[in-house]
Amino acid sequence: MPSLRLQKVRELLKRQIGEVIRREFPVSTAGLISVNDVGVSGDLHSATAFVSILGNAEQQKRGFQLLVQHRKRIQGLVAKSIVLKYTPQLRFMLDESIARGNRVLAIIGELEQSMPNE
């Protein structure tokens, strides 16, 4: 189980990365980018932000490209807004859990409709 300090740093990074993304990337271009979770290494030198992007396929592709291209800028803006001994090196990964969850719910809905009523 992560220490209380690591949990606080994770939540702080999650909130700040989300804020920076909301300010820097327009929804019309990049889709709606949401930071679902942030994983932080024990030494706080690296962090992985798990993001989901709502929008059409082109917006999702473009949104992730923008995150990767502007990683250092996002990292710098986060470093200016929070005070840590080390600013973790950011990495972005797509989190498909929301899409998978919606797919499971759709399948359950279809099964319920196909079952005969008692």
PDB file of N, CA and C in Angstrom:
ATOM      1  N   MET A   1       0.845  -1.180   0.000  1.00  0.00           N
ATOM      2  CA  MET A   1       0.000   0.000   0.000  1.00  0.00           C
ATOM      3  C   MET A   1       0.888   1.241   0.000  1.00  0.00           C
ATOM      4  N   PRO A   2       0.602   2.191  -0.911  1.00  0.00           N
ATOM      5  CA  PRO A   2       1.442   3.385  -0.979  1.00  0.00           C
ATOM      6  C   PRO A   2       1.324   4.225   0.291  1.00  0.00           C
ATOM      7  N   SER A   3       2.399   4.939   0.576  1.00  0.00           N
ATOM      8  CA  SER A   3       2.405   5.792   1.760  1.00  0.00           C
ATOM      9  C   SER A   3       1.432   6.961   1.572  1.00  0.00           C
ATOM     10  N   LEU A   4       1.101   7.590   2.676  1.00  0.00           N
ATOM     11  CA  LEU A   4       0.194   8.735   2.635  1.00  0.00           C
ATOM     12  C   LEU A   4       0.788   9.858   1.788  1.00  0.00           C
ATOM     13  N   ARG A   5       2.094  10.050   1.873  1.00  0.00           N
ATOM     14  CA  ARG A   5       2.744  11.088   1.063  1.00  0.00           C
ATOM     15  C   ARG A   5       2.594  10.801  -0.420  1.00  0.00           C
ATOM     16  N   LEU A   6       2.816   9.556  -0.823  1.00  0.00           N
ATOM     17  CA  LEU A   6       2.655   9.204  -2.238  1.00  0.00           C
ATOM     18  C   LEU A   6       1.229   9.417  -2.705  1.00  0.00           C
ATOM     19  N   GLN A   7       0.264   9.076  -1.879  1.00  0.00           N
ATOM     20  CA  GLN A   7      -1.137   9.278  -2.245  1.00  0.00           C
ATOM     21  C   GLN A   7      -1.442  10.761  -2.425  1.00  0.00           C
ATOM     22  N   LYS A   8      -0.918  11.590  -1.540  1.00  0.00           N
ATOM     23  CA  LYS A   8      -1.141  13.034  -1.654  1.00  0.00           C
ATOM     24  C   LYS A   8      -0.494  13.595  -2.915  1.00  0.00           C
ATOM     25  N   VAL A   9       0.720  13.151  -3.204  1.00  0.00           N
ATOM     26  CA  VAL A   9       1.416  13.615  -4.411  1.00  0.00           C
ATOM     27  C   VAL A   9       0.655  13.174  -5.660  1.00  0.00           C
ATOM     28  N   ARG A  10       0.166  11.940  -5.671  1.00  0.00           N
ATOM     29  CA  ARG A  10      -0.616  11.440  -6.815  1.00  0.00           C
ATOM     30  C   ARG A  10      -1.843  12.309  -7.057  1.00  0.00           C
ATOM     31  N   GLU A  11      -2.590  12.606  -6.001  1.00  0.00           N
ATOM     32  CA  GLU A  11      -3.803  13.421  -6.138  1.00  0.00           C
ATOM     33  C   GLU A  11      -3.465  14.846  -6.576  1.00  0.00           C
ATOM     34  N   LEU A  12      -2.394  15.394  -6.016  1.00  0.00           N
ATOM     35  CA  LEU A  12      -1.977  16.740  -6.394  1.00  0.00           C
ATOM     36  C   LEU A  12      -1.586  16.794  -7.868  1.00  0.00           C
ATOM     37  N   LEU A  13      -0.798  15.815  -8.310  1.00  0.00           N
ATOM     38  CA  LEU A  13      -0.398  15.761  -9.716  1.00  0.00           C
ATOM     39  C   LEU A  13      -1.610  15.567 -10.626  1.00  0.00           C
ATOM     40  N   LYS A  14      -2.512  14.684 -10.231  1.00  0.00           N
ATOM     41  CA  LYS A  14      -3.722  14.428 -11.029  1.00  0.00           C
ATOM     42  C   LYS A  14      -4.518  15.712 -11.242  1.00  0.00           C
ATOM     43  N   ARG A  15      -4.700  16.453 -10.167  1.00  0.00           N
ATOM     44  CA  ARG A  15      -5.469  17.702 -10.246  1.00  0.00           C
ATOM     45  C   ARG A  15      -4.752  18.742 -11.109  1.00  0.00           C
ATOM     46  N   GLN A  16      -3.441  18.906 -10.902  1.00  0.00           N
ATOM     47  CA  GLN A  16      -2.697  19.932 -11.634  1.00  0.00           C
ATOM     48  C   GLN A  16      -2.532  19.588 -13.113  1.00  0.00           C
ATOM     49  N   ILE A  17      -2.263  18.326 -13.420  1.00  0.00           N
ATOM     50  CA  ILE A  17      -2.141  17.924 -14.825  1.00  0.00           C
ATOM     51  C   ILE A  17      -3.467  18.164 -15.543  1.00  0.00           C
ATOM     52  N   GLY A  18      -4.558  17.817 -14.877  1.00  0.00           N
ATOM     53  CA  GLY A  18      -5.887  18.066 -15.461  1.00  0.00           C
ATOM     54  C   GLY A  18      -6.128  19.536 -15.721  1.00  0.00           C
ATOM     55  N   GLU A  19      -5.742  20.385 -14.766  1.00  0.00           N
ATOM     56  CA  GLU A  19      -5.908  21.832 -14.939  1.00  0.00           C
ATOM     57  C   GLU A  19      -5.097  22.353 -16.120  1.00  0.00           C
ATOM     58  N   VAL A  20      -3.849  21.929 -16.209  1.00  0.00           N
ATOM     59  CA  VAL A  20      -2.979  22.378 -17.305  1.00  0.00           C
ATOM     60  C   VAL A  20      -3.561  21.942 -18.645  1.00  0.00           C
ATOM     61  N   ILE A  21      -4.019  20.706 -18.727  1.00  0.00           N
ATOM     62  CA  ILE A  21      -4.587  20.203 -19.983  1.00  0.00           C
ATOM     63  C   ILE A  21      -5.835  20.993 -20.355  1.00  0.00           C
ATOM     64  N   ARG A  22      -6.697  21.284 -19.380  1.00  0.00           N
ATOM     65  CA  ARG A  22      -7.915  22.054 -19.667  1.00  0.00           C
ATOM     66  C   ARG A  22      -7.586  23.440 -20.187  1.00  0.00           C
ATOM     67  N   ARG A  23      -6.532  24.065 -19.637  1.00  0.00           N
ATOM     68  CA  ARG A  23      -6.153  25.407 -20.082  1.00  0.00           C
ATOM     69  C   ARG A  23      -5.476  25.403 -21.445  1.00  0.00           C
ATOM     70  N   GLU A  24      -4.673  24.386 -21.740  1.00  0.00           N
ATOM     71  CA  GLU A  24      -3.804  24.404 -22.910  1.00  0.00           C
ATOM     72  C   GLU A  24      -4.432  23.834 -24.192  1.00  0.00           C
ATOM     73  N   PHE A  25      -5.338  22.872 -24.059  1.00  0.00           N
ATOM     74  CA  PHE A  25      -5.846  22.181 -25.244  1.00  0.00           C
ATOM     75  C   PHE A  25      -7.341  22.400 -25.414  1.00  0.00           C
ATOM     76  N   PRO A  26      -7.741  22.989 -26.549  1.00  0.00           N
ATOM     77  CA  PRO A  26      -9.175  23.204 -26.786  1.00  0.00           C
ATOM     78  C   PRO A  26      -9.898  21.869 -27.034  1.00  0.00           C
ATOM     79  N   VAL A  27     -11.104  21.769 -26.496  1.00  0.00           N
ATOM     80  CA  VAL A  27     -11.898  20.549 -26.639  1.00  0.00           C
ATOM     81  C   VAL A  27     -12.220  20.271 -28.100  1.00  0.00           C
ATOM     82  N   SER A  28     -12.428  21.312 -28.896  1.00  0.00           N
ATOM     83  CA  SER A  28     -12.783  21.114 -30.305  1.00  0.00           C
ATOM     84  C   SER A  28     -11.670  20.422 -31.092  1.00  0.00           C
ATOM     85  N   THR A  29     -10.425  20.626 -30.691  1.00  0.00           N
ATOM     86  CA  THR A  29      -9.294  20.013 -31.381  1.00  0.00           C
ATOM     87  C   THR A  29      -8.912  18.660 -30.785  1.00  0.00           C
ATOM     88  N   ALA A  30      -8.772  18.625 -29.473  1.00  0.00           N
ATOM     89  CA  ALA A  30      -8.203  17.447 -28.812  1.00  0.00           C
ATOM     90  C   ALA A  30      -9.238  16.549 -28.152  1.00  0.00           C
ATOM     91  N   GLY A  31     -10.506  16.906 -28.211  1.00  0.00           N
ATOM     92  CA  GLY A  31     -11.501  16.145 -27.484  1.00  0.00           C
ATOM     93  C   GLY A  31     -11.437  16.523 -26.008  1.00  0.00           C
ATOM     94  N   LEU A  32     -12.277  15.903 -25.217  1.00  0.00           N
ATOM     95  CA  LEU A  32     -12.300  16.171 -23.787  1.00  0.00           C
ATOM     96  C   LEU A  32     -11.329  15.218 -23.107  1.00  0.00           C
ATOM     97  N   ILE A  33     -10.209  15.756 -22.647  1.00  0.00           N
ATOM     98  CA  ILE A  33      -9.162  14.940 -22.038  1.00  0.00           C
ATOM     99  C   ILE A  33      -9.356  14.946 -20.528  1.00  0.00           C
ATOM    100  N   SER A  34      -9.431  13.750 -19.966  1.00  0.00           N
ATOM    101  CA  SER A  34      -9.648  13.598 -18.532  1.00  0.00           C
ATOM    102  C   SER A  34      -8.506  12.773 -17.944  1.00  0.00           C
ATOM    103  N   VAL A  35      -7.948  13.239 -16.839  1.00  0.00           N
ATOM    104  CA  VAL A  35      -6.888  12.495 -16.148  1.00  0.00           C
ATOM    105  C   VAL A  35      -7.579  11.587 -15.128  1.00  0.00           C
ATOM    106  N   ASN A  36      -7.551  10.280 -15.375  1.00  0.00           N
ATOM    107  CA  ASN A  36      -8.232   9.325 -14.502  1.00  0.00           C
ATOM    108  C   ASN A  36      -7.411   8.953 -13.282  1.00  0.00           C
ATOM    109  N   ASP A  37      -6.102   8.828 -13.449  1.00  0.00           N
ATOM    110  CA  ASP A  37      -5.244   8.432 -12.341  1.00  0.00           C
ATOM    111  C   ASP A  37      -3.809   8.814 -12.679  1.00  0.00           C
ATOM    112  N   VAL A  38      -2.990   8.876 -11.671  1.00  0.00           N
ATOM    113  CA  VAL A  38      -1.561   9.135 -11.863  1.00  0.00           C
ATOM    114  C   VAL A  38      -0.804   8.124 -11.005  1.00  0.00           C
ATOM    115  N   GLY A  39       0.106   7.416 -11.646  1.00  0.00           N
ATOM    116  CA  GLY A  39       0.987   6.500 -10.923  1.00  0.00           C
ATOM    117  C   GLY A  39       2.330   7.169 -10.726  1.00  0.00           C
ATOM    118  N   VAL A  40       2.843   7.130  -9.508  1.00  0.00           N
ATOM    119  CA  VAL A  40       4.097   7.810  -9.186  1.00  0.00           C
ATOM    120  C   VAL A  40       5.098   6.778  -8.683  1.00  0.00           C
ATOM    121  N   SER A  41       6.337   6.878  -9.151  1.00  0.00           N
ATOM    122  CA  SER A  41       7.384   5.975  -8.662  1.00  0.00           C
ATOM    123  C   SER A  41       7.704   6.311  -7.213  1.00  0.00           C
ATOM    124  N   GLY A  42       8.279   5.375  -6.504  1.00  0.00           N
ATOM    125  CA  GLY A  42       8.594   5.558  -5.091  1.00  0.00           C
ATOM    126  C   GLY A  42       9.528   6.715  -4.817  1.00  0.00           C
ATOM    127  N   ASP A  43      10.455   6.990  -5.754  1.00  0.00           N
ATOM    128  CA  ASP A  43      11.402   8.092  -5.558  1.00  0.00           C
ATOM    129  C   ASP A  43      10.884   9.423  -6.109  1.00  0.00           C
ATOM    130  N   LEU A  44       9.669   9.436  -6.637  1.00  0.00           N
ATOM    131  CA  LEU A  44       9.005  10.630  -7.183  1.00  0.00           C
ATOM    132  C   LEU A  44       9.722  11.227  -8.396  1.00  0.00           C
ATOM    133  N   HIS A  45      10.537  10.445  -9.075  1.00  0.00           N
ATOM    134  CA  HIS A  45      11.239  10.951 -10.253  1.00  0.00           C
ATOM    135  C   HIS A  45      10.447  10.753 -11.542  1.00  0.00           C
ATOM    136  N   SER A  46       9.463   9.873 -11.530  1.00  0.00           N
ATOM    137  CA  SER A  46       8.656   9.665 -12.738  1.00  0.00           C
ATOM    138  C   SER A  46       7.202   9.433 -12.354  1.00  0.00           C
ATOM    139  N   ALA A  47       6.322   9.821 -13.270  1.00  0.00           N
ATOM    140  CA  ALA A  47       4.893   9.666 -13.042  1.00  0.00           C
ATOM    141  C   ALA A  47       4.222   9.318 -14.364  1.00  0.00           C
ATOM    142  N   THR A  48       3.244   8.442 -14.295  1.00  0.00           N
ATOM    143  CA  THR A  48       2.464   8.059 -15.464  1.00  0.00           C
ATOM    144  C   THR A  48       1.045   8.551 -15.265  1.00  0.00           C
ATOM    145  N   ALA A  49       0.585   9.393 -16.186  1.00  0.00           N
ATOM    146  CA  ALA A  49      -0.782   9.912 -16.129  1.00  0.00           C
ATOM    147  C   ALA A  49      -1.651   9.068 -17.050  1.00  0.00           C
ATOM    148  N   PHE A  50      -2.684   8.471 -16.488  1.00  0.00           N
ATOM    149  CA  PHE A  50      -3.622   7.666 -17.263  1.00  0.00           C
ATOM    150  C   PHE A  50      -4.770   8.578 -17.673  1.00  0.00           C
ATOM    151  N   VAL A  51      -4.909   8.786 -18.983  1.00  0.00           N
ATOM    152  CA  VAL A  51      -5.899   9.729 -19.494  1.00  0.00           C
ATOM    153  C   VAL A  51      -6.912   9.015 -20.373  1.00  0.00           C
ATOM    154  N   SER A  52      -8.121   9.565 -20.378  1.00  0.00           N
ATOM    155  CA  SER A  52      -9.123   9.108 -21.334  1.00  0.00           C
ATOM    156  C   SER A  52      -9.523  10.328 -22.153  1.00  0.00           C
ATOM    157  N   ILE A  53      -9.844  10.090 -23.412  1.00  0.00           N
ATOM    158  CA  ILE A  53     -10.176  11.181 -24.317  1.00  0.00           C
ATOM    159  C   ILE A  53     -11.540  10.894 -24.919  1.00  0.00           C
ATOM    160  N   LEU A  54     -12.496  11.775 -24.627  1.00  0.00           N
ATOM    161  CA  LEU A  54     -13.832  11.642 -25.185  1.00  0.00           C
ATOM    162  C   LEU A  54     -13.917  12.499 -26.439  1.00  0.00           C
ATOM    163  N   GLY A  55     -14.457  11.927 -27.475  1.00  0.00           N
ATOM    164  CA  GLY A  55     -14.585  12.617 -28.751  1.00  0.00           C
ATOM    165  C   GLY A  55     -14.539  11.593 -29.863  1.00  0.00           C
ATOM    166  N   ASN A  56     -14.576  12.076 -31.089  1.00  0.00           N
ATOM    167  CA  ASN A  56     -14.510  11.130 -32.214  1.00  0.00           C
ATOM    168  C   ASN A  56     -13.083  10.583 -32.341  1.00  0.00           C
ATOM    169  N   ALA A  57     -12.918   9.618 -33.233  1.00  0.00           N
ATOM    170  CA  ALA A  57     -11.618   8.937 -33.361  1.00  0.00           C
ATOM    171  C   ALA A  57     -10.497   9.914 -33.714  1.00  0.00           C
ATOM    172  N   GLU A  58     -10.793  10.873 -34.575  1.00  0.00           N
ATOM    173  CA  GLU A  58      -9.776  11.845 -34.977  1.00  0.00           C
ATOM    174  C   GLU A  58      -9.363  12.729 -33.798  1.00  0.00           C
ATOM    175  N   GLN A  59     -10.339  13.159 -32.994  1.00  0.00           N
ATOM    176  CA  GLN A  59     -10.034  13.976 -31.820  1.00  0.00           C
ATOM    177  C   GLN A  59      -9.215  13.180 -30.807  1.00  0.00           C
ATOM    178  N   GLN A  60      -9.538  11.900 -30.635  1.00  0.00           N
ATOM    179  CA  GLN A  60      -8.792  11.074 -29.688  1.00  0.00           C
ATOM    180  C   GLN A  60      -7.343  10.923 -30.125  1.00  0.00           C
ATOM    181  N   LYS A  61      -7.159  10.648 -31.416  1.00  0.00           N
ATOM    182  CA  LYS A  61      -5.802  10.494 -31.946  1.00  0.00           C
ATOM    183  C   LYS A  61      -5.023  11.805 -31.811  1.00  0.00           C
ATOM    184  N   ARG A  62      -5.652  12.900 -32.189  1.00  0.00           N
ATOM    185  CA  ARG A  62      -5.006  14.207 -32.138  1.00  0.00           C
ATOM    186  C   ARG A  62      -4.719  14.615 -30.686  1.00  0.00           C
ATOM    187  N   GLY A  63      -5.661  14.337 -29.788  1.00  0.00           N
ATOM    188  CA  GLY A  63      -5.481  14.681 -28.381  1.00  0.00           C
ATOM    189  C   GLY A  63      -4.285  13.971 -27.771  1.00  0.00           C
ATOM    190  N   PHE A  64      -4.144  12.677 -28.059  1.00  0.00           N
ATOM    191  CA  PHE A  64      -3.009  11.935 -27.502  1.00  0.00           C
ATOM    192  C   PHE A  64      -1.699  12.410 -28.112  1.00  0.00           C
ATOM    193  N   GLN A  65      -1.707  12.719 -29.422  1.00  0.00           N
ATOM    194  CA  GLN A  65      -0.505  13.259 -30.058  1.00  0.00           C
ATOM    195  C   GLN A  65      -0.088  14.573 -29.407  1.00  0.00           C
ATOM    196  N   LEU A  66      -1.074  15.428 -29.119  1.00  0.00           N
ATOM    197  CA  LEU A  66      -0.764  16.711 -28.475  1.00  0.00           C
ATOM    198  C   LEU A  66      -0.166  16.504 -27.088  1.00  0.00           C
ATOM    199  N   LEU A  67      -0.699  15.547 -26.343  1.00  0.00           N
ATOM    200  CA  LEU A  67      -0.149  15.273 -25.014  1.00  0.00           C
ATOM    201  C   LEU A  67       1.307  14.834 -25.104  1.00  0.00           C
ATOM    202  N   VAL A  68       1.587  13.943 -26.032  1.00  0.00           N
ATOM    203  CA  VAL A  68       2.951  13.428 -26.176  1.00  0.00           C
ATOM    204  C   VAL A  68       3.891  14.537 -26.662  1.00  0.00           C
ATOM    205  N   GLN A  69       3.441  15.316 -27.644  1.00  0.00           N
ATOM    206  CA  GLN A  69       4.282  16.384 -28.186  1.00  0.00           C
ATOM    207  C   GLN A  69       4.583  17.469 -27.151  1.00  0.00           C
ATOM    208  N   HIS A  70       3.612  17.786 -26.308  1.00  0.00           N
ATOM    209  CA  HIS A  70       3.755  18.886 -25.358  1.00  0.00           C
ATOM    210  C   HIS A  70       4.031  18.404 -23.934  1.00  0.00           C
ATOM    211  N   ARG A  71       4.550  17.202 -23.812  1.00  0.00           N
ATOM    212  CA  ARG A  71       4.816  16.610 -22.503  1.00  0.00           C
ATOM    213  C   ARG A  71       5.717  17.509 -21.651  1.00  0.00           C
ATOM    214  N   LYS A  72       6.796  18.004 -22.218  1.00  0.00           N
ATOM    215  CA  LYS A  72       7.741  18.827 -21.444  1.00  0.00           C
ATOM    216  C   LYS A  72       7.112  20.148 -21.019  1.00  0.00           C
ATOM    217  N   ARG A  73       6.296  20.724 -21.895  1.00  0.00           N
ATOM    218  CA  ARG A  73       5.609  21.975 -21.537  1.00  0.00           C
ATOM    219  C   ARG A  73       4.624  21.732 -20.396  1.00  0.00           C
ATOM    220  N   ILE A  74       3.860  20.644 -20.482  1.00  0.00           N
ATOM    221  CA  ILE A  74       2.912  20.302 -19.418  1.00  0.00           C
ATOM    222  C   ILE A  74       3.671  20.077 -18.118  1.00  0.00           C
ATOM    223  N   GLN A  75       4.771  19.362 -18.202  1.00  0.00           N
ATOM    224  CA  GLN A  75       5.593  19.084 -17.030  1.00  0.00           C
ATOM    225  C   GLN A  75       6.103  20.382 -16.410  1.00  0.00           C
ATOM    226  N   GLY A  76       6.540  21.306 -17.248  1.00  0.00           N
ATOM    227  CA  GLY A  76       7.028  22.596 -16.755  1.00  0.00           C
ATOM    228  C   GLY A  76       5.944  23.411 -16.088  1.00  0.00           C
ATOM    229  N   LEU A  77       4.748  23.429 -16.672  1.00  0.00           N
ATOM    230  CA  LEU A  77       3.637  24.179 -16.082  1.00  0.00           C
ATOM    231  C   LEU A  77       3.193  23.564 -14.754  1.00  0.00           C
ATOM    232  N   VAL A  78       3.223  22.239 -14.686  1.00  0.00           N
ATOM    233  CA  VAL A  78       2.889  21.561 -13.430  1.00  0.00           C
ATOM    234  C   VAL A  78       3.949  21.898 -12.379  1.00  0.00           C
ATOM    235  N   ALA A  79       5.217  21.914 -12.774  1.00  0.00           N
ATOM    236  CA  ALA A  79       6.306  22.216 -11.838  1.00  0.00           C
ATOM    237  C   ALA A  79       6.177  23.622 -11.260  1.00  0.00           C
ATOM    238  N   LYS A  80       5.680  24.569 -12.066  1.00  0.00           N
ATOM    239  CA  LYS A  80       5.520  25.940 -11.583  1.00  0.00           C
ATOM    240  C   LYS A  80       4.376  26.066 -10.583  1.00  0.00           C
ATOM    241  N   SER A  81       3.390  25.180 -10.692  1.00  0.00           N
ATOM    242  CA  SER A  81       2.201  25.327  -9.860  1.00  0.00           C
ATOM    243  C   SER A  81       2.232  24.513  -8.571  1.00  0.00           C
ATOM    244  N   ILE A  82       3.124  23.523  -8.484  1.00  0.00           N
ATOM    245  CA  ILE A  82       3.232  22.752  -7.242  1.00  0.00           C
ATOM    246  C   ILE A  82       4.683  22.752  -6.771  1.00  0.00           C
ATOM    247  N   VAL A  83       4.854  22.646  -5.474  1.00  0.00           N
ATOM    248  CA  VAL A  83       6.196  22.687  -4.894  1.00  0.00           C
ATOM    249  C   VAL A  83       6.570  21.283  -4.440  1.00  0.00           C
ATOM    250  N   LEU A  84       7.501  20.689  -5.167  1.00  0.00           N
ATOM    251  CA  LEU A  84       8.051  19.382  -4.818  1.00  0.00           C
ATOM    252  C   LEU A  84       9.563  19.464  -4.955  1.00  0.00           C
ATOM    253  N   LYS A  85      10.269  18.630  -4.236  1.00  0.00           N
ATOM    254  CA  LYS A  85      11.725  18.602  -4.364  1.00  0.00           C
ATOM    255  C   LYS A  85      12.111  18.225  -5.790  1.00  0.00           C
ATOM    256  N   TYR A  86      11.440  17.210  -6.332  1.00  0.00           N
ATOM    257  CA  TYR A  86      11.642  16.788  -7.725  1.00  0.00           C
ATOM    258  C   TYR A  86      10.305  16.864  -8.438  1.00  0.00           C
ATOM    259  N   THR A  87      10.327  17.409  -9.631  1.00  0.00           N
ATOM    260  CA  THR A  87       9.129  17.328 -10.455  1.00  0.00           C
ATOM    261  C   THR A  87       9.242  16.042 -11.254  1.00  0.00           C
ATOM    262  N   PRO A  88       8.287  15.152 -11.109  1.00  0.00           N
ATOM    263  CA  PRO A  88       8.387  13.874 -11.812  1.00  0.00           C
ATOM    264  C   PRO A  88       8.363  14.048 -13.331  1.00  0.00           C
ATOM    265  N   GLN A  89       9.099  13.200 -14.009  1.00  0.00           N
ATOM    266  CA  GLN A  89       9.061  13.180 -15.461  1.00  0.00           C
ATOM    267  C   GLN A  89       7.755  12.503 -15.859  1.00  0.00           C
ATOM    268  N   LEU A  90       6.949  13.213 -16.637  1.00  0.00           N
ATOM    269  CA  LEU A  90       5.620  12.729 -16.981  1.00  0.00           C
ATOM    270  C   LEU A  90       5.643  11.790 -18.178  1.00  0.00           C
ATOM    271  N   ARG A  91       4.726  10.859 -18.145  1.00  0.00           N
ATOM    272  CA  ARG A  91       4.457   9.956 -19.262  1.00  0.00           C
ATOM    273  C   ARG A  91       2.950   9.817 -19.342  1.00  0.00           C
ATOM    274  N   PHE A  92       2.415   9.735 -20.548  1.00  0.00           N
ATOM    275  CA  PHE A  92       0.971   9.623 -20.725  1.00  0.00           C
ATOM    276  C   PHE A  92       0.618   8.259 -21.302  1.00  0.00           C
ATOM    277  N   MET A  93      -0.448   7.685 -20.775  1.00  0.00           N
ATOM    278  CA  MET A  93      -0.972   6.423 -21.302  1.00  0.00           C
ATOM    279  C   MET A  93      -2.476   6.556 -21.423  1.00  0.00           C
ATOM    280  N   LEU A  94      -3.017   5.999 -22.515  1.00  0.00           N
ATOM    281  CA  LEU A  94      -4.472   6.008 -22.688  1.00  0.00           C
ATOM    282  C   LEU A  94      -5.097   4.996 -21.743  1.00  0.00           C
ATOM    283  N   ASP A  95      -6.127   5.410 -21.068  1.00  0.00           N
ATOM    284  CA  ASP A  95      -6.864   4.545 -20.149  1.00  0.00           C
ATOM    285  C   ASP A  95      -8.183   4.193 -20.825  1.00  0.00           C
ATOM    286  N   GLU A  96      -8.309   2.962 -21.217  1.00  0.00           N
ATOM    287  CA  GLU A  96      -9.495   2.507 -21.945  1.00  0.00           C
ATOM    288  C   GLU A  96     -10.573   1.957 -21.021  1.00  0.00           C
ATOM    289  N   SER A  97     -10.427   2.107 -19.713  1.00  0.00           N
ATOM    290  CA  SER A  97     -11.363   1.486 -18.780  1.00  0.00           C
ATOM    291  C   SER A  97     -12.780   2.031 -18.921  1.00  0.00           C
ATOM    292  N   ILE A  98     -12.937   3.319 -19.202  1.00  0.00           N
ATOM    293  CA  ILE A  98     -14.271   3.890 -19.351  1.00  0.00           C
ATOM    294  C   ILE A  98     -14.949   3.316 -20.586  1.00  0.00           C
ATOM    295  N   ALA A  99     -14.217   3.229 -21.689  1.00  0.00           N
ATOM    296  CA  ALA A  99     -14.783   2.665 -22.920  1.00  0.00           C
ATOM    297  C   ALA A  99     -15.158   1.200 -22.715  1.00  0.00           C
ATOM    298  N   ARG A 100     -14.292   0.449 -22.016  1.00  0.00           N
ATOM    299  CA  ARG A 100     -14.607  -0.964 -21.744  1.00  0.00           C
ATOM    300  C   ARG A 100     -15.833  -1.088 -20.864  1.00  0.00           C
ATOM    301  N   GLY A 101     -15.946  -0.233 -19.870  1.00  0.00           N
ATOM    302  CA  GLY A 101     -17.107  -0.246 -18.982  1.00  0.00           C
ATOM    303  C   GLY A 101     -18.394   0.057 -19.728  1.00  0.00           C
ATOM    304  N   ASN A 102     -18.350   1.046 -20.620  1.00  0.00           N
ATOM    305  CA  ASN A 102     -19.532   1.374 -21.433  1.00  0.00           C
ATOM    306  C   ASN A 102     -19.909   0.220 -22.340  1.00  0.00           C
ATOM    307  N   ARG A 103     -18.914  -0.473 -22.874  1.00  0.00           N
ATOM    308  CA  ARG A 103     -19.181  -1.620 -23.743  1.00  0.00           C
ATOM    309  C   ARG A 103     -19.854  -2.748 -22.960  1.00  0.00           C
ATOM    310  N   VAL A 104     -19.364  -3.006 -21.746  1.00  0.00           N
ATOM    311  CA  VAL A 104     -19.961  -4.043 -20.900  1.00  0.00           C
ATOM    312  C   VAL A 104     -21.410  -3.683 -20.567  1.00  0.00           C
ATOM    313  N   LEU A 105     -21.665  -2.418 -20.235  1.00  0.00           N
ATOM    314  CA  LEU A 105     -23.023  -1.995 -19.933  1.00  0.00           C
ATOM    315  C   LEU A 105     -23.944  -2.142 -21.143  1.00  0.00           C
ATOM    316  N   ALA A 106     -23.423  -1.855 -22.339  1.00  0.00           N
ATOM    317  CA  ALA A 106     -24.224  -2.023 -23.552  1.00  0.00           C
ATOM    318  C   ALA A 106     -24.561  -3.487 -23.787  1.00  0.00           C
ATOM    319  N   ILE A 107     -23.610  -4.374 -23.568  1.00  0.00           N
ATOM    320  CA  ILE A 107     -23.849  -5.811 -23.733  1.00  0.00           C
ATOM    321  C   ILE A 107     -24.892  -6.293 -22.732  1.00  0.00           C
ATOM    322  N   ILE A 108     -24.805  -5.849 -21.494  1.00  0.00           N
ATOM    323  CA  ILE A 108     -25.787  -6.232 -20.474  1.00  0.00           C
ATOM    324  C   ILE A 108     -27.175  -5.737 -20.872  1.00  0.00           C
ATOM    325  N   GLY A 109     -27.242  -4.509 -21.370  1.00  0.00           N
ATOM    326  CA  GLY A 109     -28.526  -3.963 -21.834  1.00  0.00           C
ATOM    327  C   GLY A 109     -29.121  -4.790 -22.960  1.00  0.00           C
ATOM    328  N   GLU A 110     -28.278  -5.218 -23.902  1.00  0.00           N
ATOM    329  CA  GLU A 110     -28.759  -6.056 -25.011  1.00  0.00           C
ATOM    330  C   GLU A 110     -29.258  -7.399 -24.508  1.00  0.00           C
ATOM    331  N   LEU A 111     -28.541  -7.984 -23.550  1.00  0.00           N
ATOM    332  CA  LEU A 111     -28.959  -9.262 -22.989  1.00  0.00           C
ATOM    333  C   LEU A 111     -30.302  -9.152 -22.253  1.00  0.00           C
ATOM    334  N   GLU A 112     -30.474  -8.055 -21.527  1.00  0.00           N
ATOM    335  CA  GLU A 112     -31.734  -7.854 -20.816  1.00  0.00           C
ATOM    336  C   GLU A 112     -32.900  -7.695 -21.775  1.00  0.00           C
ATOM    337  N   GLN A 113     -32.668  -7.049 -22.916  1.00  0.00           N
ATOM    338  CA  GLN A 113     -33.736  -6.857 -23.898  1.00  0.00           C
ATOM    339  C   GLN A 113     -34.066  -8.168 -24.613  1.00  0.00           C
ATOM    340  N   SER A 114     -33.079  -9.016 -24.810  1.00  0.00           N
ATOM    341  CA  SER A 114     -33.320 -10.263 -25.537  1.00  0.00           C
ATOM    342  C   SER A 114     -33.928 -11.350 -24.673  1.00  0.00           C
ATOM    343  N   MET A 115     -33.858 -11.200 -23.349  1.00  0.00           N
ATOM    344  CA  MET A 115     -34.426 -12.208 -22.450  1.00  0.00           C
ATOM    345  C   MET A 115     -35.944 -12.055 -22.407  1.00  0.00           C
ATOM    346  N   PRO A 116     -36.681 -13.182 -22.440  1.00  0.00           N
ATOM    347  CA  PRO A 116     -38.153 -13.088 -22.369  1.00  0.00           C
ATOM    348  C   PRO A 116     -38.583 -12.635 -20.984  1.00  0.00           C
ATOM    349  N   ASN A 117     -39.630 -11.828 -20.950  1.00  0.00           N
ATOM    350  CA  ASN A 117     -40.163 -11.364 -19.676  1.00  0.00           C
ATOM    351  C   ASN A 117     -40.883 -12.496 -18.974  1.00  0.00           C
ATOM    352  N   GLU A 118     -40.761 -12.536 -17.681  1.00  0.00           N
ATOM    353  CA  GLU A 118     -41.403 -13.618 -16.912  1.00  0.00           C
ATOM    354  C   GLU A 118     -42.755 -13.192 -16.435  1.00  0.00           C
TER     355      GLU A 118
END
